[in-house]
Amino acid sequence: MAARTWDNLIIHCSDSSFGSTAVIRQWHLQRKWRDVGYHFVIPNGYLHKDFYLSSFDGSVETGRDLDGDLIAEKMESGAHTYGYNANSIGICLIGKNVFTPRQISSLENLVLELCNHFNIKAENIKGHRDLSSKTCPNMDISWLRDKIKLIQS
């Protein structure tokens, strides 16, 4: 059996006004998942409903572990997009419809780094909504694909 590779990056949103990897992990464990479903989470600074820390706005937090090699091992599979978890990296922006400039900047940098490291093509950067009936991440991410294509060419 051939080794699975990381072929896709799938962008999500938390559909909440606050959160962090720790908060999402709690939500997912309550649903009886084995861990947080995403590999990376980009907070908006609101760690809880009324608790804002500007230093967390746009930070990049790790969720499910990736060991950094090009092989998508079973233990690294996320739980974020039905039918795509085995070979895709899930990134979650905290928020519903509006994301901070710091989050967008961090998303761009993270996606570029992951594409370069794992040899992921720009056309394989998807929004969850591109692969399901969900609206997540509540924005069209074609601008992100286009930006990464320009950089990769």
N, C-alpha and C. Protein backbone atom coordinates (compact mmCIF):
# COMPACT_ATOMS: atom_id res chain seq x y z
N MET A 1 0.83 -1.17 0.00
CA MET A 1 0.00 0.00 0.00
C MET A 1 0.88 1.25 0.00
N ALA A 2 0.62 2.16 -0.92
CA ALA A 2 1.41 3.38 -1.03
C ALA A 2 1.14 4.30 0.16
N ALA A 3 2.15 5.01 0.55
CA ALA A 3 2.00 5.96 1.65
C ALA A 3 1.10 7.11 1.22
N ARG A 4 0.26 7.54 2.14
CA ARG A 4 -0.58 8.71 1.88
C ARG A 4 0.26 9.97 2.09
N THR A 5 -0.01 10.97 1.29
CA THR A 5 0.69 12.24 1.44
C THR A 5 -0.31 13.33 1.81
N TRP A 6 0.21 14.45 2.26
CA TRP A 6 -0.63 15.61 2.55
C TRP A 6 -0.92 16.30 1.23
N ASP A 7 -2.15 16.18 0.75
CA ASP A 7 -2.51 16.71 -0.56
C ASP A 7 -3.29 18.00 -0.51
N ASN A 8 -4.00 18.27 0.58
CA ASN A 8 -4.91 19.41 0.66
C ASN A 8 -4.72 20.19 1.94
N LEU A 9 -5.03 21.49 1.85
CA LEU A 9 -5.18 22.34 3.02
C LEU A 9 -6.62 22.79 3.03
N ILE A 10 -7.31 22.60 4.13
CA ILE A 10 -8.73 22.96 4.20
C ILE A 10 -8.92 23.99 5.31
N ILE A 11 -9.50 25.13 4.91
CA ILE A 11 -9.68 26.25 5.82
C ILE A 11 -11.10 26.20 6.40
N HIS A 12 -11.18 26.40 7.70
CA HIS A 12 -12.44 26.36 8.45
C HIS A 12 -12.57 27.63 9.28
N CYS A 13 -13.75 27.81 9.86
CA CYS A 13 -13.94 28.82 10.91
C CYS A 13 -14.64 28.13 12.07
N SER A 14 -14.48 28.70 13.25
CA SER A 14 -15.07 28.09 14.45
C SER A 14 -16.56 28.37 14.57
N ASP A 15 -17.06 29.35 13.83
CA ASP A 15 -18.45 29.80 13.93
C ASP A 15 -18.79 30.22 15.36
N SER A 16 -17.78 30.78 16.03
CA SER A 16 -17.94 31.30 17.39
C SER A 16 -17.20 32.62 17.47
N SER A 17 -17.56 33.45 18.41
CA SER A 17 -16.90 34.74 18.55
C SER A 17 -15.60 34.66 19.35
N PHE A 18 -15.32 33.52 19.95
CA PHE A 18 -14.13 33.35 20.77
C PHE A 18 -13.63 31.92 20.63
N GLY A 19 -12.42 31.69 21.13
CA GLY A 19 -11.90 30.32 21.16
C GLY A 19 -10.40 30.25 21.02
N SER A 20 -9.93 29.04 21.17
CA SER A 20 -8.52 28.70 21.06
C SER A 20 -8.46 27.19 20.82
N THR A 21 -7.29 26.66 20.62
CA THR A 21 -7.18 25.21 20.47
C THR A 21 -7.73 24.50 21.70
N ALA A 22 -7.42 25.01 22.88
CA ALA A 22 -7.90 24.37 24.11
C ALA A 22 -9.42 24.35 24.18
N VAL A 23 -10.06 25.46 23.80
CA VAL A 23 -11.52 25.54 23.84
C VAL A 23 -12.13 24.58 22.82
N ILE A 24 -11.60 24.58 21.60
CA ILE A 24 -12.14 23.68 20.57
C ILE A 24 -11.89 22.23 20.95
N ARG A 25 -10.75 21.96 21.54
CA ARG A 25 -10.48 20.58 22.00
C ARG A 25 -11.57 20.14 22.98
N GLN A 26 -11.94 21.00 23.92
CA GLN A 26 -13.03 20.69 24.87
C GLN A 26 -14.31 20.37 24.12
N TRP A 27 -14.68 21.22 23.16
CA TRP A 27 -15.90 21.01 22.39
C TRP A 27 -15.87 19.67 21.67
N HIS A 28 -14.73 19.36 21.05
CA HIS A 28 -14.63 18.12 20.28
C HIS A 28 -14.59 16.89 21.19
N LEU A 29 -13.93 16.98 22.32
CA LEU A 29 -13.92 15.85 23.27
C LEU A 29 -15.32 15.60 23.83
N GLN A 30 -16.10 16.66 24.02
CA GLN A 30 -17.49 16.49 24.47
C GLN A 30 -18.32 15.74 23.42
N ARG A 31 -17.92 15.84 22.18
CA ARG A 31 -18.60 15.12 21.09
C ARG A 31 -18.04 13.70 20.92
N LYS A 32 -17.15 13.31 21.84
CA LYS A 32 -16.53 11.98 21.87
C LYS A 32 -15.48 11.78 20.77
N TRP A 33 -14.92 12.86 20.25
CA TRP A 33 -13.81 12.75 19.31
C TRP A 33 -12.56 12.45 20.11
N ARG A 34 -11.52 11.95 19.47
CA ARG A 34 -10.31 11.59 20.21
C ARG A 34 -9.43 12.79 20.53
N ASP A 35 -9.63 13.91 19.82
CA ASP A 35 -8.84 15.11 20.06
C ASP A 35 -9.48 16.25 19.27
N VAL A 36 -8.87 17.42 19.32
CA VAL A 36 -9.31 18.53 18.49
C VAL A 36 -9.20 18.08 17.03
N GLY A 37 -10.14 18.49 16.20
CA GLY A 37 -10.17 18.02 14.82
C GLY A 37 -9.20 18.70 13.88
N TYR A 38 -8.70 19.88 14.24
CA TYR A 38 -7.85 20.68 13.36
C TYR A 38 -6.38 20.52 13.71
N HIS A 39 -5.54 20.75 12.72
CA HIS A 39 -4.10 20.71 12.95
C HIS A 39 -3.57 22.06 13.45
N PHE A 40 -4.24 23.13 13.01
CA PHE A 40 -3.84 24.48 13.42
C PHE A 40 -5.09 25.32 13.70
N VAL A 41 -4.97 26.22 14.67
CA VAL A 41 -6.05 27.15 15.01
C VAL A 41 -5.43 28.55 15.08
N ILE A 42 -6.14 29.52 14.49
CA ILE A 42 -5.67 30.91 14.50
C ILE A 42 -6.70 31.75 15.25
N PRO A 43 -6.42 32.07 16.52
CA PRO A 43 -7.36 32.83 17.35
C PRO A 43 -7.51 34.30 16.90
N ASN A 44 -8.61 34.90 17.34
CA ASN A 44 -8.87 36.33 17.08
C ASN A 44 -8.57 37.19 18.30
N GLY A 45 -8.04 36.61 19.33
CA GLY A 45 -7.71 37.34 20.56
C GLY A 45 -8.71 37.13 21.68
N TYR A 46 -9.94 36.75 21.33
CA TYR A 46 -10.95 36.47 22.34
C TYR A 46 -10.85 35.00 22.75
N LEU A 47 -10.23 34.77 23.89
CA LEU A 47 -10.05 33.40 24.35
C LEU A 47 -11.32 32.86 25.00
N HIS A 48 -12.08 33.76 25.58
CA HIS A 48 -13.41 33.46 26.13
C HIS A 48 -14.28 34.64 25.77
N LYS A 49 -15.56 34.53 26.00
CA LYS A 49 -16.52 35.54 25.54
C LYS A 49 -16.11 36.98 25.88
N ASP A 50 -15.69 37.23 27.11
CA ASP A 50 -15.35 38.59 27.53
C ASP A 50 -13.88 38.74 27.92
N PHE A 51 -13.03 37.90 27.37
CA PHE A 51 -11.62 37.94 27.73
C PHE A 51 -10.78 38.05 26.47
N TYR A 52 -10.24 39.25 26.22
CA TYR A 52 -9.46 39.53 25.02
C TYR A 52 -8.00 39.77 25.39
N LEU A 53 -7.11 39.12 24.67
CA LEU A 53 -5.67 39.36 24.79
C LEU A 53 -5.14 39.62 23.38
N SER A 54 -4.67 40.83 23.15
CA SER A 54 -4.22 41.18 21.80
C SER A 54 -3.08 40.30 21.31
N SER A 55 -2.27 39.79 22.22
CA SER A 55 -1.14 38.95 21.80
C SER A 55 -1.59 37.62 21.20
N PHE A 56 -2.83 37.21 21.44
CA PHE A 56 -3.35 35.97 20.85
C PHE A 56 -4.00 36.20 19.50
N ASP A 57 -4.29 37.45 19.16
CA ASP A 57 -4.91 37.75 17.87
C ASP A 57 -3.90 37.43 16.77
N GLY A 58 -4.23 36.44 15.95
CA GLY A 58 -3.37 36.05 14.85
C GLY A 58 -2.26 35.08 15.21
N SER A 59 -2.21 34.66 16.47
CA SER A 59 -1.20 33.65 16.82
C SER A 59 -1.57 32.33 16.12
N VAL A 60 -0.63 31.46 15.95
CA VAL A 60 -0.90 30.16 15.34
C VAL A 60 -0.68 29.10 16.41
N GLU A 61 -1.76 28.39 16.73
CA GLU A 61 -1.70 27.34 17.73
C GLU A 61 -1.76 25.98 17.03
N THR A 62 -1.06 25.02 17.60
CA THR A 62 -1.12 23.68 17.04
C THR A 62 -2.27 22.91 17.67
N GLY A 63 -2.85 22.04 16.88
CA GLY A 63 -3.91 21.16 17.33
C GLY A 63 -3.41 19.74 17.25
N ARG A 64 -3.97 18.97 16.32
CA ARG A 64 -3.46 17.60 16.13
C ARG A 64 -2.03 17.67 15.64
N ASP A 65 -1.24 16.76 16.16
CA ASP A 65 0.18 16.73 15.83
C ASP A 65 0.45 16.34 14.39
N LEU A 66 1.39 17.04 13.78
CA LEU A 66 2.00 16.62 12.51
C LEU A 66 3.47 16.40 12.83
N ASP A 67 4.03 15.30 12.37
CA ASP A 67 5.43 15.07 12.70
C ASP A 67 6.39 15.74 11.71
N GLY A 68 5.85 16.39 10.68
CA GLY A 68 6.69 17.18 9.79
C GLY A 68 7.17 16.46 8.55
N ASP A 69 7.00 15.14 8.48
CA ASP A 69 7.42 14.47 7.24
C ASP A 69 6.29 14.54 6.22
N LEU A 70 6.55 14.03 5.04
CA LEU A 70 5.57 14.14 3.96
C LEU A 70 4.51 13.05 3.98
N ILE A 71 4.62 12.12 4.91
CA ILE A 71 3.69 11.00 5.00
C ILE A 71 2.52 11.36 5.93
N ALA A 72 1.31 11.15 5.44
CA ALA A 72 0.10 11.40 6.23
C ALA A 72 -0.24 10.13 6.99
N GLU A 73 0.26 10.02 8.20
CA GLU A 73 0.06 8.82 8.99
C GLU A 73 -1.31 8.85 9.65
N LYS A 74 -1.84 7.66 9.93
CA LYS A 74 -3.19 7.55 10.48
C LYS A 74 -3.37 8.36 11.76
N MET A 75 -2.38 8.32 12.64
CA MET A 75 -2.50 9.03 13.91
C MET A 75 -2.52 10.55 13.73
N GLU A 76 -2.09 11.04 12.57
CA GLU A 76 -2.07 12.47 12.31
C GLU A 76 -3.35 12.96 11.63
N SER A 77 -4.16 12.04 11.17
CA SER A 77 -5.39 12.44 10.46
C SER A 77 -6.26 13.31 11.34
N GLY A 78 -6.79 14.38 10.74
CA GLY A 78 -7.67 15.28 11.46
C GLY A 78 -9.09 14.76 11.47
N ALA A 79 -9.98 15.58 11.97
CA ALA A 79 -11.41 15.29 11.98
C ALA A 79 -12.11 16.61 11.67
N HIS A 80 -11.99 17.03 10.42
CA HIS A 80 -12.50 18.35 10.05
C HIS A 80 -13.30 18.37 8.76
N THR A 81 -13.08 17.43 7.85
CA THR A 81 -13.81 17.43 6.58
C THR A 81 -14.06 15.99 6.17
N TYR A 82 -15.30 15.57 6.26
CA TYR A 82 -15.66 14.19 5.95
C TYR A 82 -15.17 13.81 4.55
N GLY A 83 -14.46 12.69 4.48
CA GLY A 83 -13.95 12.19 3.21
C GLY A 83 -12.58 12.74 2.83
N TYR A 84 -12.08 13.72 3.57
CA TYR A 84 -10.79 14.35 3.25
C TYR A 84 -9.80 14.31 4.40
N ASN A 85 -10.19 13.77 5.53
CA ASN A 85 -9.34 13.83 6.71
C ASN A 85 -8.02 13.08 6.56
N ALA A 86 -8.01 12.02 5.80
CA ALA A 86 -6.83 11.15 5.72
C ALA A 86 -5.63 11.84 5.10
N ASN A 87 -5.86 12.81 4.20
CA ASN A 87 -4.71 13.42 3.53
C ASN A 87 -4.81 14.94 3.43
N SER A 88 -5.49 15.56 4.40
CA SER A 88 -5.59 17.02 4.38
C SER A 88 -5.27 17.60 5.75
N ILE A 89 -4.73 18.80 5.72
CA ILE A 89 -4.39 19.53 6.93
C ILE A 89 -5.51 20.54 7.17
N GLY A 90 -6.08 20.53 8.36
CA GLY A 90 -7.17 21.42 8.71
C GLY A 90 -6.69 22.62 9.50
N ILE A 91 -7.12 23.81 9.04
CA ILE A 91 -6.78 25.07 9.70
C ILE A 91 -8.09 25.76 10.07
N CYS A 92 -8.22 26.17 11.32
CA CYS A 92 -9.45 26.82 11.78
C CYS A 92 -9.16 28.25 12.23
N LEU A 93 -9.89 29.19 11.62
CA LEU A 93 -9.87 30.58 12.07
C LEU A 93 -10.97 30.74 13.13
N ILE A 94 -10.64 31.34 14.25
CA ILE A 94 -11.67 31.62 15.25
C ILE A 94 -12.48 32.81 14.75
N GLY A 95 -13.79 32.64 14.68
CA GLY A 95 -14.67 33.70 14.23
C GLY A 95 -15.83 33.13 13.43
N LYS A 96 -16.72 34.03 13.03
CA LYS A 96 -17.90 33.63 12.24
C LYS A 96 -17.79 34.17 10.82
N ASN A 97 -17.98 35.46 10.67
CA ASN A 97 -17.99 36.08 9.35
C ASN A 97 -16.92 37.14 9.17
N VAL A 98 -16.31 37.56 10.27
CA VAL A 98 -15.30 38.61 10.22
C VAL A 98 -14.03 38.09 10.90
N PHE A 99 -12.90 38.31 10.23
CA PHE A 99 -11.62 37.86 10.76
C PHE A 99 -10.69 39.06 10.81
N THR A 100 -9.81 39.07 11.79
CA THR A 100 -8.94 40.23 11.98
C THR A 100 -7.82 40.23 10.93
N PRO A 101 -7.26 41.42 10.67
CA PRO A 101 -6.12 41.48 9.76
C PRO A 101 -4.96 40.58 10.20
N ARG A 102 -4.73 40.49 11.50
CA ARG A 102 -3.67 39.60 12.00
C ARG A 102 -3.96 38.13 11.69
N GLN A 103 -5.22 37.73 11.80
CA GLN A 103 -5.59 36.35 11.48
C GLN A 103 -5.34 36.07 9.99
N ILE A 104 -5.75 37.00 9.14
CA ILE A 104 -5.59 36.81 7.70
C ILE A 104 -4.11 36.75 7.34
N SER A 105 -3.30 37.63 7.92
CA SER A 105 -1.86 37.61 7.68
C SER A 105 -1.25 36.28 8.13
N SER A 106 -1.63 35.82 9.32
CA SER A 106 -1.11 34.54 9.83
C SER A 106 -1.57 33.38 8.95
N LEU A 107 -2.82 33.43 8.50
CA LEU A 107 -3.33 32.39 7.61
C LEU A 107 -2.49 32.33 6.33
N GLU A 108 -2.25 33.48 5.72
CA GLU A 108 -1.44 33.52 4.50
C GLU A 108 -0.05 32.92 4.73
N ASN A 109 0.60 33.34 5.81
CA ASN A 109 1.95 32.85 6.11
C ASN A 109 1.96 31.36 6.40
N LEU A 110 0.99 30.90 7.20
CA LEU A 110 0.92 29.49 7.54
C LEU A 110 0.67 28.64 6.30
N VAL A 111 -0.28 29.05 5.48
CA VAL A 111 -0.61 28.29 4.27
C VAL A 111 0.60 28.22 3.34
N LEU A 112 1.28 29.33 3.14
CA LEU A 112 2.47 29.32 2.28
C LEU A 112 3.53 28.38 2.83
N GLU A 113 3.76 28.45 4.14
CA GLU A 113 4.76 27.57 4.76
C GLU A 113 4.39 26.09 4.61
N LEU A 114 3.12 25.77 4.86
CA LEU A 114 2.68 24.38 4.75
C LEU A 114 2.73 23.89 3.30
N CYS A 115 2.32 24.73 2.37
CA CYS A 115 2.39 24.36 0.95
C CYS A 115 3.83 24.07 0.54
N ASN A 116 4.75 24.92 0.96
CA ASN A 116 6.16 24.72 0.62
C ASN A 116 6.72 23.47 1.29
N HIS A 117 6.42 23.30 2.55
CA HIS A 117 6.98 22.16 3.30
C HIS A 117 6.45 20.82 2.81
N PHE A 118 5.14 20.75 2.55
CA PHE A 118 4.51 19.48 2.19
C PHE A 118 4.24 19.34 0.70
N ASN A 119 4.76 20.27 -0.10
CA ASN A 119 4.59 20.23 -1.57
C ASN A 119 3.11 20.20 -1.97
N ILE A 120 2.32 21.03 -1.34
CA ILE A 120 0.88 21.11 -1.65
C ILE A 120 0.68 22.19 -2.70
N LYS A 121 -0.05 21.86 -3.75
CA LYS A 121 -0.31 22.80 -4.83
C LYS A 121 -1.37 23.82 -4.40
N ALA A 122 -1.25 25.03 -4.91
CA ALA A 122 -2.17 26.11 -4.55
C ALA A 122 -3.62 25.75 -4.85
N GLU A 123 -3.86 25.02 -5.93
CA GLU A 123 -5.25 24.65 -6.26
C GLU A 123 -5.86 23.68 -5.25
N ASN A 124 -5.03 23.13 -4.37
CA ASN A 124 -5.53 22.21 -3.34
C ASN A 124 -5.75 22.91 -2.00
N ILE A 125 -5.79 24.23 -2.02
CA ILE A 125 -6.18 25.00 -0.85
C ILE A 125 -7.68 25.22 -0.99
N LYS A 126 -8.43 24.70 -0.05
CA LYS A 126 -9.90 24.72 -0.16
C LYS A 126 -10.52 25.31 1.10
N GLY A 127 -11.68 25.88 0.93
CA GLY A 127 -12.52 26.21 2.06
C GLY A 127 -13.39 25.00 2.34
N HIS A 128 -13.76 24.78 3.58
CA HIS A 128 -14.63 23.65 3.93
C HIS A 128 -15.87 23.66 3.04
N ARG A 129 -16.37 24.86 2.74
CA ARG A 129 -17.58 24.99 1.93
C ARG A 129 -17.39 24.47 0.51
N ASP A 130 -16.15 24.41 0.04
CA ASP A 130 -15.87 23.88 -1.30
C ASP A 130 -16.04 22.37 -1.36
N LEU A 131 -16.09 21.72 -0.21
CA LEU A 131 -16.10 20.25 -0.15
C LEU A 131 -17.30 19.69 0.58
N SER A 132 -18.22 20.55 0.99
CA SER A 132 -19.39 20.09 1.74
C SER A 132 -20.52 21.10 1.57
N SER A 133 -21.62 20.84 2.22
CA SER A 133 -22.76 21.76 2.16
C SER A 133 -22.64 22.87 3.21
N LYS A 134 -21.55 22.90 3.95
CA LYS A 134 -21.33 23.92 4.98
C LYS A 134 -21.00 25.27 4.33
N THR A 135 -21.15 26.35 5.10
CA THR A 135 -20.75 27.68 4.61
C THR A 135 -19.35 28.04 5.10
N CYS A 136 -18.82 27.27 6.00
CA CYS A 136 -17.51 27.47 6.61
C CYS A 136 -16.43 27.51 5.52
N PRO A 137 -15.55 28.44 5.54
CA PRO A 137 -15.23 29.42 6.56
C PRO A 137 -15.96 30.76 6.41
N ASN A 138 -17.10 30.73 5.77
CA ASN A 138 -17.93 31.93 5.57
C ASN A 138 -17.22 33.01 4.76
N MET A 139 -16.34 32.58 3.87
CA MET A 139 -15.70 33.48 2.90
C MET A 139 -15.16 32.63 1.76
N ASP A 140 -15.08 33.24 0.61
CA ASP A 140 -14.48 32.62 -0.56
C ASP A 140 -12.97 32.74 -0.40
N ILE A 141 -12.24 31.66 -0.50
CA ILE A 141 -10.80 31.74 -0.30
C ILE A 141 -10.02 31.68 -1.62
N SER A 142 -10.69 31.96 -2.73
CA SER A 142 -9.97 31.96 -4.02
C SER A 142 -8.83 32.99 -4.00
N TRP A 143 -8.99 34.09 -3.26
CA TRP A 143 -7.92 35.09 -3.14
C TRP A 143 -6.65 34.47 -2.55
N LEU A 144 -6.84 33.53 -1.61
CA LEU A 144 -5.69 32.87 -0.98
C LEU A 144 -5.00 31.94 -1.96
N ARG A 145 -5.79 31.16 -2.70
CA ARG A 145 -5.21 30.29 -3.74
C ARG A 145 -4.43 31.12 -4.74
N ASP A 146 -5.04 32.22 -5.20
CA ASP A 146 -4.39 33.08 -6.20
C ASP A 146 -3.09 33.65 -5.67
N LYS A 147 -3.08 34.09 -4.43
CA LYS A 147 -1.87 34.66 -3.84
C LYS A 147 -0.76 33.61 -3.74
N ILE A 148 -1.11 32.40 -3.31
CA ILE A 148 -0.11 31.33 -3.18
C ILE A 148 0.39 30.91 -4.57
N LYS A 149 -0.51 30.86 -5.56
CA LYS A 149 -0.08 30.54 -6.94
C LYS A 149 0.97 31.52 -7.43
N LEU A 150 0.72 32.82 -7.19
CA LEU A 150 1.70 33.84 -7.62
C LEU A 150 3.05 33.63 -6.96
N ILE A 151 3.04 33.34 -5.69
CA ILE A 151 4.29 33.14 -4.96
C ILE A 151 4.99 31.87 -5.42
N GLN A 152 4.23 30.81 -5.67
CA GLN A 152 4.82 29.53 -6.07
C GLN A 152 5.36 29.54 -7.50
N SER A 153 4.88 30.46 -8.34
CA SER A 153 5.32 30.43 -9.74
C SER A 153 6.61 31.17 -9.97
